[in-house]
N, C-alpha and C. Protein backbone atom coordinates (compact mmCIF):
# COMPACT_ATOMS: atom_id res chain seq x y z
N MET A 1 -30.05 5.03 28.99
CA MET A 1 -28.78 5.61 29.04
C MET A 1 -28.91 6.95 28.33
N GLY A 2 -29.57 7.03 27.02
CA GLY A 2 -29.82 8.37 26.29
C GLY A 2 -28.86 9.13 25.89
N VAL A 3 -28.01 8.39 25.03
CA VAL A 3 -26.80 8.85 24.51
C VAL A 3 -27.03 9.60 23.36
N ASP A 4 -26.45 10.61 22.98
CA ASP A 4 -26.84 11.76 22.05
C ASP A 4 -25.40 11.65 20.91
N VAL A 5 -25.69 11.54 19.57
CA VAL A 5 -24.51 11.46 18.64
C VAL A 5 -25.20 12.32 17.56
N ASP A 6 -23.74 13.38 17.38
CA ASP A 6 -23.98 14.50 16.34
C ASP A 6 -24.62 14.11 15.05
N ALA A 7 -25.22 14.96 14.57
CA ALA A 7 -25.95 14.24 13.15
C ALA A 7 -25.01 13.79 12.01
N GLU A 8 -23.57 14.49 12.37
CA GLU A 8 -22.85 13.87 11.23
C GLU A 8 -22.68 12.30 11.30
N LEU A 9 -22.69 11.76 12.31
CA LEU A 9 -22.57 10.35 12.59
C LEU A 9 -23.76 9.69 12.11
N ARG A 10 -24.93 10.29 11.78
CA ARG A 10 -26.09 9.81 11.42
C ARG A 10 -26.08 9.71 9.92
N TRP A 11 -25.50 9.18 9.20
CA TRP A 11 -25.48 9.37 7.66
C TRP A 11 -25.90 8.27 6.79
N ALA A 12 -26.31 7.11 7.57
CA ALA A 12 -26.48 5.81 6.98
C ALA A 12 -27.98 5.52 7.16
N PRO A 13 -28.81 4.40 6.43
CA PRO A 13 -30.08 4.11 6.80
C PRO A 13 -30.00 3.50 8.23
N GLY A 14 -30.96 3.91 9.01
CA GLY A 14 -31.00 3.08 10.34
C GLY A 14 -30.20 3.80 11.46
N TRP A 15 -29.59 4.88 11.09
CA TRP A 15 -28.76 5.78 12.05
C TRP A 15 -29.96 6.48 12.86
N ASP A 16 -31.03 6.37 12.41
CA ASP A 16 -32.21 7.36 13.26
C ASP A 16 -32.75 6.45 14.56
N GLN A 17 -32.06 5.41 14.38
CA GLN A 17 -32.50 4.46 15.82
C GLN A 17 -31.79 5.23 17.04
N PRO A 18 -32.28 4.79 18.32
CA PRO A 18 -31.53 5.22 19.43
C PRO A 18 -29.96 4.40 19.26
N VAL A 19 -29.18 5.19 19.72
CA VAL A 19 -27.73 5.07 19.99
C VAL A 19 -27.66 3.47 20.63
N GLU A 20 -28.55 3.39 21.63
CA GLU A 20 -28.60 2.22 22.47
C GLU A 20 -28.97 0.90 21.88
N GLU A 21 -29.69 1.10 20.59
CA GLU A 21 -30.05 -0.08 19.70
C GLU A 21 -29.28 -0.56 18.68
N TRP A 22 -28.27 0.48 18.34
CA TRP A 22 -27.17 0.42 17.29
C TRP A 22 -26.53 -1.04 17.38
N SER A 23 -26.30 -1.86 16.40
CA SER A 23 -25.33 -3.04 16.42
C SER A 23 -23.99 -2.71 16.64
N ILE A 24 -23.25 -3.75 17.10
CA ILE A 24 -21.50 -3.79 17.38
C ILE A 24 -21.08 -3.08 16.36
N PRO A 25 -21.16 -3.48 15.25
CA PRO A 25 -20.38 -3.00 13.82
C PRO A 25 -20.70 -1.52 13.62
N ARG A 26 -21.96 -0.91 13.98
CA ARG A 26 -22.45 0.43 13.58
C ARG A 26 -21.72 1.09 14.90
N LEU A 27 -21.72 0.54 16.19
CA LEU A 27 -21.03 1.35 17.13
C LEU A 27 -19.51 1.39 16.76
N PHE A 28 -19.11 0.44 16.61
CA PHE A 28 -17.66 0.49 16.30
C PHE A 28 -17.24 1.69 15.25
N GLY A 29 -18.32 1.66 14.16
CA GLY A 29 -18.18 2.60 13.03
C GLY A 29 -18.16 4.25 13.86
N ALA A 30 -19.11 4.43 14.46
CA ALA A 30 -19.22 5.57 15.29
C ALA A 30 -18.27 5.95 16.12
N VAL A 31 -17.88 5.07 16.88
CA VAL A 31 -16.48 5.37 17.84
C VAL A 31 -15.27 5.69 16.94
N SER A 32 -15.14 4.82 15.64
CA SER A 32 -13.90 5.12 14.99
C SER A 32 -13.90 6.62 14.27
N ARG A 33 -15.09 6.91 13.96
CA ARG A 33 -15.29 8.31 13.23
C ARG A 33 -15.12 9.33 14.31
N MET A 34 -15.76 9.22 15.56
CA MET A 34 -15.46 9.92 16.75
C MET A 34 -14.15 10.23 17.20
N LEU A 35 -13.22 9.06 17.18
CA LEU A 35 -11.81 8.89 17.61
C LEU A 35 -11.02 10.03 16.94
N ALA A 36 -11.90 9.98 15.37
CA ALA A 36 -10.57 10.48 14.39
C ALA A 36 -11.04 12.06 14.22
N VAL A 37 -11.98 12.44 14.86
CA VAL A 37 -12.75 13.66 14.97
C VAL A 37 -11.96 14.18 16.05
N VAL A 38 -11.79 13.86 17.15
CA VAL A 38 -11.08 14.05 18.38
C VAL A 38 -9.53 14.22 18.27
N ALA A 39 -9.05 13.19 17.53
CA ALA A 39 -7.50 13.36 17.32
C ALA A 39 -7.28 14.20 16.23
N SER A 40 -7.98 14.49 15.27
CA SER A 40 -7.84 15.49 14.45
C SER A 40 -8.00 17.00 15.34
N ARG A 41 -8.88 17.19 15.84
CA ARG A 41 -8.96 18.47 16.53
C ARG A 41 -7.76 18.42 17.55
N SER A 42 -7.63 17.42 18.01
CA SER A 42 -6.26 17.80 18.90
C SER A 42 -4.87 18.14 18.31
N ALA A 43 -4.63 17.48 17.24
CA ALA A 43 -3.75 17.69 16.17
C ALA A 43 -3.70 19.00 15.69
N ASP A 44 -4.76 19.46 15.20
CA ASP A 44 -4.99 21.03 14.98
C ASP A 44 -4.69 21.87 16.06
N ARG A 45 -5.26 21.68 17.04
CA ARG A 45 -4.58 22.57 18.14
C ARG A 45 -3.34 22.81 18.50
N HIS A 46 -2.64 21.76 17.89
CA HIS A 46 -1.10 21.74 17.89
C HIS A 46 -0.53 21.99 16.87
N GLY A 47 -1.13 22.69 15.68
CA GLY A 47 -0.66 23.27 14.59
C GLY A 47 -0.42 22.28 13.30
N LEU A 48 -1.03 21.27 13.39
CA LEU A 48 -0.86 20.14 12.44
C LEU A 48 -2.36 19.75 12.02
N SER A 49 -2.36 19.46 10.61
CA SER A 49 -3.70 18.56 10.17
C SER A 49 -3.42 17.32 10.64
N ALA A 50 -4.56 16.37 10.51
CA ALA A 50 -4.60 15.24 10.83
C ALA A 50 -3.79 14.30 9.81
N ALA A 51 -3.71 14.73 8.57
CA ALA A 51 -2.72 14.10 7.50
C ALA A 51 -1.57 14.17 8.01
N GLY A 52 -0.93 15.70 8.17
CA GLY A 52 0.19 16.20 8.67
C GLY A 52 0.81 15.28 9.99
N PHE A 53 0.08 15.09 10.68
CA PHE A 53 0.29 14.62 11.86
C PHE A 53 0.57 13.11 11.74
N SER A 54 -0.09 12.29 10.95
CA SER A 54 -0.08 10.93 10.70
C SER A 54 1.09 10.88 9.98
N LEU A 55 1.27 11.51 9.10
CA LEU A 55 2.64 11.66 8.33
C LEU A 55 4.06 11.75 9.26
N LEU A 56 3.75 12.85 10.12
CA LEU A 56 5.25 12.84 10.83
C LEU A 56 5.25 11.74 11.84
N ARG A 57 4.13 11.15 12.40
CA ARG A 57 3.94 10.07 13.41
C ARG A 57 4.83 8.70 12.42
N THR A 58 4.26 8.59 11.07
CA THR A 58 5.02 7.61 10.05
C THR A 58 6.34 7.75 10.32
N LEU A 59 6.82 8.95 10.01
CA LEU A 59 8.38 9.06 9.78
C LEU A 59 9.02 9.11 11.27
N LEU A 60 8.40 9.02 12.33
CA LEU A 60 8.96 8.98 13.72
C LEU A 60 9.29 7.59 14.12
N VAL A 61 8.42 6.68 13.37
CA VAL A 61 8.74 5.09 13.17
C VAL A 61 9.62 4.80 12.38
N GLU A 62 9.90 5.14 11.24
CA GLU A 62 10.66 4.68 10.10
C GLU A 62 10.90 6.08 9.30
N ASP A 63 11.98 6.72 9.54
CA ASP A 63 12.34 7.99 8.83
C ASP A 63 12.99 7.47 7.67
N GLY A 64 13.11 8.28 6.37
CA GLY A 64 13.49 8.18 5.24
C GLY A 64 12.85 7.25 4.19
N LEU A 65 11.23 7.11 4.58
CA LEU A 65 10.64 6.51 3.67
C LEU A 65 10.27 7.21 2.20
N SER A 66 9.68 6.66 1.39
CA SER A 66 9.37 7.24 0.23
C SER A 66 8.22 7.85 0.19
N SER A 67 7.60 8.80 -0.79
CA SER A 67 6.16 9.32 -0.46
C SER A 67 5.24 8.51 -0.75
N GLY A 68 5.66 7.41 -1.45
CA GLY A 68 4.57 6.44 -1.77
C GLY A 68 4.35 5.49 -0.62
N GLU A 69 5.44 5.32 -0.12
CA GLU A 69 5.29 4.21 1.15
C GLU A 69 4.49 4.93 2.30
N VAL A 70 4.91 6.43 2.58
CA VAL A 70 4.11 6.98 3.28
C VAL A 70 2.73 7.19 3.31
N ALA A 71 2.24 7.31 2.03
CA ALA A 71 1.06 7.38 1.58
C ALA A 71 0.22 6.12 1.94
N ARG A 72 0.90 5.12 1.59
CA ARG A 72 0.11 3.59 1.78
C ARG A 72 0.00 3.50 3.45
N ARG A 73 1.14 3.78 4.03
CA ARG A 73 0.94 3.65 5.76
C ARG A 73 -0.02 4.44 6.11
N CYS A 74 -0.34 5.88 5.67
CA CYS A 74 -1.45 6.58 6.19
C CYS A 74 -2.43 6.49 5.70
N TRP A 75 -2.61 5.65 4.60
CA TRP A 75 -4.04 5.42 4.16
C TRP A 75 -4.50 6.62 3.35
N ILE A 76 -3.81 7.49 2.61
CA ILE A 76 -4.00 8.52 1.72
C ILE A 76 -3.36 8.22 0.53
N THR A 77 -4.05 9.17 -0.78
CA THR A 77 -3.44 9.06 -1.89
C THR A 77 -2.09 9.71 -2.19
N PRO A 78 -1.48 9.25 -3.28
CA PRO A 78 -0.09 10.06 -3.80
C PRO A 78 -0.49 11.48 -3.75
N ALA A 79 -1.66 11.82 -4.18
CA ALA A 79 -1.71 13.35 -4.83
C ALA A 79 -1.73 14.15 -3.29
N THR A 80 -2.43 13.31 -2.10
CA THR A 80 -2.72 14.21 -1.06
C THR A 80 -1.20 14.32 -0.25
N ILE A 81 -0.62 13.17 -0.50
CA ILE A 81 0.55 13.12 0.28
C ILE A 81 1.53 14.32 -0.38
N THR A 82 1.62 14.68 -1.37
CA THR A 82 2.34 15.97 -1.95
C THR A 82 1.96 17.19 -1.51
N ALA A 83 0.47 17.04 -1.34
CA ALA A 83 0.37 18.49 -0.74
C ALA A 83 0.67 18.72 0.57
N VAL A 84 0.41 17.45 1.62
CA VAL A 84 0.69 17.58 2.87
C VAL A 84 2.43 17.66 3.13
N VAL A 85 3.04 17.12 2.31
CA VAL A 85 4.58 17.38 2.35
C VAL A 85 5.03 18.70 1.92
N ASP A 86 4.31 19.24 1.00
CA ASP A 86 4.51 20.37 0.61
C ASP A 86 4.45 21.56 1.90
N THR A 87 3.47 21.23 2.42
CA THR A 87 3.07 21.99 3.68
C THR A 87 4.10 21.79 4.63
N LEU A 88 4.21 20.59 5.20
CA LEU A 88 5.22 20.36 6.54
C LEU A 88 6.54 20.83 5.72
N GLU A 89 7.07 20.60 4.65
CA GLU A 89 8.33 21.01 4.30
C GLU A 89 8.31 22.54 4.22
N ARG A 90 7.41 23.32 3.93
CA ARG A 90 7.56 24.71 4.13
C ARG A 90 7.51 25.01 5.71
N ASP A 91 6.85 24.49 6.55
CA ASP A 91 6.93 24.80 7.96
C ASP A 91 8.19 24.31 8.50
N GLY A 92 8.90 23.62 7.88
CA GLY A 92 10.29 23.13 8.53
C GLY A 92 10.28 21.89 9.05
N HIS A 93 9.26 21.21 8.96
CA HIS A 93 9.05 19.84 9.57
C HIS A 93 9.78 18.65 8.94
N VAL A 94 9.62 18.73 7.75
CA VAL A 94 10.33 17.41 6.79
C VAL A 94 11.01 18.20 5.74
N GLU A 95 12.08 17.09 5.25
CA GLU A 95 13.00 17.28 4.02
C GLU A 95 12.54 16.47 3.25
N ARG A 96 12.81 16.86 1.94
CA ARG A 96 12.94 15.75 0.68
C ARG A 96 14.37 15.59 0.50
N ARG A 97 14.79 14.36 0.27
CA ARG A 97 16.13 14.08 -0.38
C ARG A 97 16.13 13.14 -1.16
N ARG A 98 16.87 13.09 -2.38
CA ARG A 98 16.92 12.32 -3.32
C ARG A 98 17.90 10.83 -2.63
N ASP A 99 17.21 9.65 -3.02
CA ASP A 99 17.81 8.38 -2.57
C ASP A 99 19.17 8.27 -2.97
N GLY A 100 20.22 7.77 -2.18
CA GLY A 100 21.47 7.48 -2.82
C GLY A 100 21.73 6.53 -3.83
N ASP A 101 20.72 5.83 -3.70
CA ASP A 101 21.07 4.40 -4.57
C ASP A 101 20.28 4.84 -6.19
N ASP A 102 19.28 5.58 -5.86
CA ASP A 102 18.35 5.60 -7.04
C ASP A 102 17.67 6.73 -6.96
N ARG A 103 18.24 7.93 -7.76
CA ARG A 103 18.14 9.19 -7.62
C ARG A 103 16.54 9.50 -8.29
N ARG A 104 15.75 8.57 -8.65
CA ARG A 104 14.37 8.93 -9.07
C ARG A 104 13.72 8.73 -8.00
N VAL A 105 14.24 8.26 -6.69
CA VAL A 105 13.12 8.05 -5.53
C VAL A 105 13.52 9.46 -4.67
N VAL A 106 12.31 10.01 -4.07
CA VAL A 106 12.67 10.77 -3.18
C VAL A 106 11.99 10.23 -1.92
N ARG A 107 13.34 10.44 -0.71
CA ARG A 107 12.74 9.93 0.53
C ARG A 107 12.34 11.39 1.52
N LEU A 108 11.62 10.99 2.14
CA LEU A 108 11.06 12.01 3.35
C LEU A 108 11.58 11.49 4.65
N HIS A 109 12.27 12.93 5.17
CA HIS A 109 12.95 12.78 6.38
C HIS A 109 12.44 13.80 7.44
N LEU A 110 12.18 13.42 8.94
CA LEU A 110 11.85 14.32 9.77
C LEU A 110 13.07 15.28 10.10
N THR A 111 12.84 16.80 10.28
CA THR A 111 13.78 17.78 10.77
C THR A 111 13.76 17.51 12.32
N GLU A 112 14.56 18.29 13.16
CA GLU A 112 14.58 18.29 14.48
C GLU A 112 13.28 18.94 14.99
N LYS A 113 12.79 20.01 14.09
CA LYS A 113 11.62 20.67 14.45
C LYS A 113 10.36 19.69 14.59
N GLY A 114 10.43 18.83 13.32
CA GLY A 114 9.18 17.91 12.94
C GLY A 114 9.21 16.81 14.04
N ARG A 115 10.43 16.49 14.23
CA ARG A 115 10.31 15.45 15.29
C ARG A 115 9.87 15.84 16.62
N LEU A 116 10.37 17.07 17.05
CA LEU A 116 9.73 17.47 18.49
C LEU A 116 8.17 17.83 18.07
N ALA A 117 7.79 18.33 17.09
CA ALA A 117 6.28 18.61 16.86
C ALA A 117 5.51 17.41 17.10
N ALA A 118 5.90 16.07 16.22
CA ALA A 118 5.34 15.00 16.15
C ALA A 118 5.38 14.22 17.59
N SER A 119 6.53 14.36 18.38
CA SER A 119 6.59 13.67 19.61
C SER A 119 5.72 14.50 20.62
N HIS A 120 5.46 16.00 20.40
CA HIS A 120 4.69 16.70 21.66
C HIS A 120 3.20 16.40 21.10
N THR A 121 2.83 16.17 19.92
CA THR A 121 1.53 16.30 19.38
C THR A 121 1.10 14.95 19.71
N GLN A 122 1.96 13.92 19.64
CA GLN A 122 1.56 12.57 20.05
C GLN A 122 1.31 12.35 21.40
N GLU A 123 2.21 12.85 22.24
CA GLU A 123 2.01 13.01 23.79
C GLU A 123 0.55 13.57 24.07
N GLN A 124 -0.04 14.81 23.54
CA GLN A 124 -1.02 15.42 23.82
C GLN A 124 -2.36 14.57 23.34
N ILE A 125 -2.07 14.10 21.79
CA ILE A 125 -3.25 13.34 21.57
C ILE A 125 -3.53 12.21 22.31
N ARG A 126 -2.44 11.38 22.86
CA ARG A 126 -2.58 10.50 23.66
C ARG A 126 -3.36 10.53 24.92
N ALA A 127 -2.91 11.81 25.56
CA ALA A 127 -3.40 12.08 26.95
C ALA A 127 -4.82 12.72 26.75
N ASP A 128 -5.20 13.56 25.65
CA ASP A 128 -6.55 13.96 25.21
C ASP A 128 -7.47 12.36 25.12
N LEU A 129 -7.15 11.51 24.39
CA LEU A 129 -7.63 10.38 24.13
C LEU A 129 -7.81 9.33 25.47
N GLY A 130 -6.75 9.36 26.04
CA GLY A 130 -6.74 8.76 27.53
C GLY A 130 -7.44 9.07 28.29
N ARG A 131 -8.01 10.22 28.45
CA ARG A 131 -8.78 10.49 29.45
C ARG A 131 -10.33 10.18 28.99
N LEU A 132 -10.47 9.91 27.72
CA LEU A 132 -11.77 9.36 27.22
C LEU A 132 -12.10 7.86 27.62
N TYR A 133 -10.88 7.17 27.86
CA TYR A 133 -11.07 5.93 28.30
C TYR A 133 -11.09 5.60 29.93
N GLU A 134 -10.86 6.72 30.58
CA GLU A 134 -10.95 6.59 32.09
C GLU A 134 -12.51 6.11 32.55
N PHE A 135 -12.93 5.25 32.58
CA PHE A 135 -14.24 4.58 33.03
C PHE A 135 -14.60 3.20 32.84
N GLY A 136 -15.45 2.66 33.82
CA GLY A 136 -15.14 1.04 33.78
C GLY A 136 -14.27 0.67 35.11
N ASP A 137 -14.62 -0.76 34.88
CA ASP A 137 -13.37 -1.42 36.15
C ASP A 137 -12.71 -2.19 35.47
N ALA A 138 -12.01 -2.90 36.42
CA ALA A 138 -10.92 -3.88 35.65
C ALA A 138 -11.66 -5.11 34.79
N THR A 139 -12.94 -5.60 35.42
CA THR A 139 -13.53 -6.65 34.88
C THR A 139 -13.92 -6.46 33.60
N GLU A 140 -14.74 -5.00 33.35
CA GLU A 140 -15.12 -4.38 32.27
C GLU A 140 -14.02 -4.63 31.34
N GLU A 141 -12.74 -3.87 31.60
CA GLU A 141 -11.54 -3.84 30.75
C GLU A 141 -11.10 -5.15 30.19
N ALA A 142 -10.92 -6.19 31.26
CA ALA A 142 -10.72 -7.28 30.54
C ALA A 142 -11.59 -8.04 29.48
N VAL A 143 -12.88 -7.70 29.71
CA VAL A 143 -13.86 -8.16 28.53
C VAL A 143 -13.90 -7.59 27.41
N VAL A 144 -13.63 -6.35 27.59
CA VAL A 144 -13.36 -5.36 26.52
C VAL A 144 -12.09 -5.91 25.73
N ARG A 145 -10.93 -5.98 26.28
CA ARG A 145 -9.84 -6.40 25.86
C ARG A 145 -9.78 -7.44 25.20
N ALA A 146 -10.36 -8.53 25.71
CA ALA A 146 -10.66 -9.95 25.20
C ALA A 146 -11.06 -9.78 23.96
N PHE A 147 -12.29 -9.07 23.77
CA PHE A 147 -13.14 -9.12 22.57
C PHE A 147 -12.27 -8.35 21.49
N LEU A 148 -11.87 -7.25 21.80
CA LEU A 148 -11.18 -6.62 21.04
C LEU A 148 -9.74 -7.29 20.27
N LEU A 149 -9.03 -8.01 21.05
CA LEU A 149 -7.99 -8.84 20.50
C LEU A 149 -8.36 -9.87 19.63
N ARG A 150 -9.89 -10.57 19.85
CA ARG A 150 -10.03 -11.50 19.09
C ARG A 150 -10.63 -10.95 17.63
N LEU A 151 -11.07 -9.83 17.77
CA LEU A 151 -11.45 -9.02 16.37
C LEU A 151 -10.58 -8.60 15.87
N VAL A 152 -9.52 -8.03 16.48
CA VAL A 152 -7.88 -7.77 15.58
C VAL A 152 -7.54 -9.07 14.82
N GLU A 153 -7.49 -10.06 15.64
CA GLU A 153 -7.09 -11.27 15.00
C GLU A 153 -7.99 -11.66 13.53
N ARG A 154 -9.33 -11.23 13.91
CA ARG A 154 -10.08 -11.65 12.93
C ARG A 154 -9.83 -10.84 11.56
N LEU A 155 -9.89 -9.71 12.27
CA LEU A 155 -9.47 -8.62 10.91
C LEU A 155 -8.26 -8.61 10.31
N SER A 156 -7.23 -8.94 10.94
CA SER A 156 -5.87 -9.49 10.51
C SER A 156 -5.98 -10.46 9.23
N ALA A 157 -6.76 -11.48 9.79
CA ALA A 157 -6.89 -12.58 8.93
C ALA A 157 -7.77 -12.28 7.66
N ALA A 158 -8.74 -11.44 7.85
CA ALA A 158 -9.48 -10.82 6.71
C ALA A 158 -8.76 -10.06 5.65
N MET A 159 -7.90 -9.18 6.17
CA MET A 159 -7.09 -8.53 5.42
C MET A 159 -6.08 -9.42 4.45
N GLN A 160 -5.40 -10.50 5.07
CA GLN A 160 -4.83 -11.45 4.32
C GLN A 160 -5.58 -12.18 3.21
N GLU A 161 -6.76 -12.51 3.62
CA GLU A 161 -7.63 -13.15 2.59
C GLU A 161 -8.32 -12.09 1.47
N ILE A 162 -8.70 -10.78 2.08
CA ILE A 162 -8.82 -9.84 1.03
C ILE A 162 -8.07 -9.00 0.25
N PRO A 163 -7.71 -9.18 -1.06
CA PRO A 163 -6.42 -8.29 -1.83
C PRO A 163 -7.06 -6.66 -1.81
N GLY A 164 -5.90 -6.04 -1.57
CA GLY A 164 -6.01 -4.44 -1.76
C GLY A 164 -4.80 -4.07 -1.30
N ASP A 165 -4.74 -2.42 -1.55
CA ASP A 165 -3.72 -1.51 -1.29
C ASP A 165 -3.56 -0.97 0.14
N VAL A 166 -4.44 -1.06 0.68
CA VAL A 166 -4.65 -0.36 2.00
C VAL A 166 -4.40 -1.57 2.92
C-alpha cells in the first residue's frame, strides 16, 4: 500500500515502522489525530478555532450551560474556555448571562450569529469529513461498523470503571 504519514504523527517509539505494520490502537491514534487536524483546518477556514467551534457546537446541543460544564464537555481547561469565550463574545457568537437563580453562575448562550456560524461550520466539516469516508463497499462498512460499535461499548464500560473528570 505504501501509506505516507506526516512526521507530526510519528511522535512515539515504533512510529518509524511502515504504517501497514502499525497496531490497531496505533492506527486509531493516528486516525484520531488526523481527523482532529482536518476538522480544525476546516473550522479555521470558516473563521473559528477548533475550540471555538467545539464550544459553539456544544451550545447548539444545549444552550445556557455554565463555562465549567462547557469546558468538561469540550475536554478543555476552565482557563482555556475563558479565553475562547472572550473571543467568541467579542465576535458576537456568544453572550454571558448571570443565572437567574444563582447570580454567581454565568451561563453561556448562543447569539443568532453564533447559531448560524455553528450550523454552517458543522455542515461544512461534516461534508469535508464525509468525503474522506467515501470508499470501500457495503461488506467492508458492515465489518468496520460492527467493530467500532463493539469498541464503543468496551470504551464506555472502561470509562465507567476508571474514574476521571473527562
